Amino acid sequence: MSDKIHNRIGMLRAEKGLSRKALADAIEVNYQTIGYLERGDYNPSLELALKLADFFELPVEMIFSRRPFPTLSEQLVKLQQGG
């Protein structure tokens, strides 16, 4: 398994209609950090991961994973197949 941490930050940010800067300001980091995280260029510290989880009101494991998240179409197919 690679050391890359996959995340849903971009999707979650888009759902809330936030710019990278607005999210960065809300969790008190530089806006470039959000871009690095979204692209997978940077793995978050535990503190940063928890800040994001608090901000989005989600468990950390719904935002970050060691494995790629399934795409929305994969999730829909699974739901349609009763899984």
C-alpha atoms as a PDB file:
ATOM      1  CA  MET A   1       0.000   0.000   0.000  1.00  0.00           C
ATOM      2  CA  SER A   2       1.311   3.450  -0.851  1.00  0.00           C
ATOM      3  CA  ASP A   3       1.784   6.314   1.565  1.00  0.00           C
ATOM      4  CA  LYS A   4      -0.677   8.457  -0.387  1.00  0.00           C
ATOM      5  CA  ILE A   5      -3.742   9.562   1.524  1.00  0.00           C
ATOM      6  CA  HIS A   6      -6.850   9.916  -0.641  1.00  0.00           C
ATOM      7  CA  ASN A   7      -9.451  12.498   0.269  1.00  0.00           C
ATOM      8  CA  ARG A   8     -12.832  13.979  -0.563  1.00  0.00           C
ATOM      9  CA  ILE A   9     -11.968  17.563   0.325  1.00  0.00           C
ATOM     10  CA  GLY A  10     -12.628  18.962  -3.148  1.00  0.00           C
ATOM     11  CA  MET A  11     -16.048  17.327  -3.349  1.00  0.00           C
ATOM     12  CA  LEU A  12     -17.018  18.399   0.163  1.00  0.00           C
ATOM     13  CA  ARG A  13     -15.807  21.929  -0.461  1.00  0.00           C
ATOM     14  CA  ALA A  14     -17.801  22.107  -3.709  1.00  0.00           C
ATOM     15  CA  GLU A  15     -20.955  20.853  -1.959  1.00  0.00           C
ATOM     16  CA  LYS A  16     -20.693  23.793   0.437  1.00  0.00           C
ATOM     17  CA  GLY A  17     -19.889  26.248  -2.359  1.00  0.00           C
ATOM     18  CA  LEU A  18     -16.576  27.201  -0.763  1.00  0.00           C
ATOM     19  CA  SER A  19     -13.431  28.409  -2.449  1.00  0.00           C
ATOM     20  CA  ARG A  20     -10.115  26.969  -1.340  1.00  0.00           C
ATOM     21  CA  LYS A  21      -9.399  30.280   0.365  1.00  0.00           C
ATOM     22  CA  ALA A  22     -12.699  30.272   2.266  1.00  0.00           C
ATOM     23  CA  LEU A  23     -12.073  26.747   3.544  1.00  0.00           C
ATOM     24  CA  ALA A  24      -8.490  27.613   4.438  1.00  0.00           C
ATOM     25  CA  ASP A  25      -9.624  30.690   6.361  1.00  0.00           C
ATOM     26  CA  ALA A  26     -12.240  28.634   8.229  1.00  0.00           C
ATOM     27  CA  ILE A  27      -9.696  26.084   9.447  1.00  0.00           C
ATOM     28  CA  GLU A  28      -6.842  28.584   9.769  1.00  0.00           C
ATOM     29  CA  VAL A  29      -4.377  27.280   7.175  1.00  0.00           C
ATOM     30  CA  ASN A  30      -2.851  28.778   4.046  1.00  0.00           C
ATOM     31  CA  TYR A  31      -5.134  28.419   0.998  1.00  0.00           C
ATOM     32  CA  GLN A  32      -2.317  26.642  -0.865  1.00  0.00           C
ATOM     33  CA  THR A  33      -2.465  23.873   1.739  1.00  0.00           C
ATOM     34  CA  ILE A  34      -6.002  23.057   0.622  1.00  0.00           C
ATOM     35  CA  GLY A  35      -4.839  22.730  -2.978  1.00  0.00           C
ATOM     36  CA  TYR A  36      -1.939  20.493  -1.973  1.00  0.00           C
ATOM     37  CA  LEU A  37      -4.296  18.292   0.037  1.00  0.00           C
ATOM     38  CA  GLU A  38      -6.894  18.056  -2.729  1.00  0.00           C
ATOM     39  CA  ARG A  39      -4.266  17.047  -5.295  1.00  0.00           C
ATOM     40  CA  GLY A  40      -2.700  14.515  -2.949  1.00  0.00           C
ATOM     41  CA  ASP A  41       0.606  16.393  -2.909  1.00  0.00           C
ATOM     42  CA  TYR A  42       0.514  16.631   0.884  1.00  0.00           C
ATOM     43  CA  ASN A  43      -0.765  14.327   3.618  1.00  0.00           C
ATOM     44  CA  PRO A  44      -2.494  16.097   6.496  1.00  0.00           C
ATOM     45  CA  SER A  45      -1.268  16.077  10.053  1.00  0.00           C
ATOM     46  CA  LEU A  46      -3.633  14.507  12.551  1.00  0.00           C
ATOM     47  CA  GLU A  47      -4.529  17.982  13.812  1.00  0.00           C
ATOM     48  CA  LEU A  48      -5.393  19.194  10.308  1.00  0.00           C
ATOM     49  CA  ALA A  49      -7.410  16.059   9.529  1.00  0.00           C
ATOM     50  CA  LEU A  50      -9.407  16.571  12.737  1.00  0.00           C
ATOM     51  CA  LYS A  51      -9.980  20.257  11.955  1.00  0.00           C
ATOM     52  CA  LEU A  52     -11.389  19.301   8.551  1.00  0.00           C
ATOM     53  CA  ALA A  53     -13.563  16.579  10.093  1.00  0.00           C
ATOM     54  CA  ASP A  54     -14.936  19.082  12.606  1.00  0.00           C
ATOM     55  CA  PHE A  55     -15.546  21.666   9.904  1.00  0.00           C
ATOM     56  CA  PHE A  56     -17.425  19.248   7.631  1.00  0.00           C
ATOM     57  CA  GLU A  57     -19.073  17.534  10.620  1.00  0.00           C
ATOM     58  CA  LEU A  58     -17.976  14.119   9.367  1.00  0.00           C
ATOM     59  CA  PRO A  59     -15.829  11.316  10.742  1.00  0.00           C
ATOM     60  CA  VAL A  60     -12.209  11.539   9.573  1.00  0.00           C
ATOM     61  CA  GLU A  61     -12.537   8.247   7.685  1.00  0.00           C
ATOM     62  CA  MET A  62     -15.280   9.741   5.488  1.00  0.00           C
ATOM     63  CA  ILE A  63     -12.829  12.430   4.353  1.00  0.00           C
ATOM     64  CA  PHE A  64      -9.523  10.546   4.242  1.00  0.00           C
ATOM     65  CA  SER A  65      -8.567   7.006   3.261  1.00  0.00           C
ATOM     66  CA  ARG A  66      -5.463   4.994   2.473  1.00  0.00           C
ATOM     67  CA  ARG A  67      -7.390   3.495  -0.473  1.00  0.00           C
ATOM     68  CA  PRO A  68      -9.065   5.433  -3.292  1.00  0.00           C
ATOM     69  CA  PHE A  69     -12.708   6.237  -2.645  1.00  0.00           C
ATOM     70  CA  PRO A  70     -15.214   4.648  -5.024  1.00  0.00           C
ATOM     71  CA  THR A  71     -16.575   7.033  -7.634  1.00  0.00           C
ATOM     72  CA  LEU A  72     -20.180   8.191  -7.421  1.00  0.00           C
ATOM     73  CA  SER A  73     -21.075   6.014 -10.428  1.00  0.00           C
ATOM     74  CA  GLU A  74     -19.528   2.955  -8.728  1.00  0.00           C
ATOM     75  CA  GLN A  75     -21.537   3.691  -5.600  1.00  0.00           C
ATOM     76  CA  LEU A  76     -24.768   4.073  -7.613  1.00  0.00           C
ATOM     77  CA  VAL A  77     -24.220   0.783  -9.429  1.00  0.00           C
ATOM     78  CA  LYS A  78     -23.614  -0.949  -6.103  1.00  0.00           C
ATOM     79  CA  LEU A  79     -26.844   0.535  -4.681  1.00  0.00           C
ATOM     80  CA  GLN A  80     -28.822  -0.537  -7.739  1.00  0.00           C
ATOM     81  CA  GLN A  81     -27.496  -4.063  -7.386  1.00  0.00           C
ATOM     82  CA  GLY A  82     -28.711  -4.167  -3.797  1.00  0.00           C
ATOM     83  CA  GLY A  83     -25.289  -3.966  -2.176  1.00  0.00           C
END
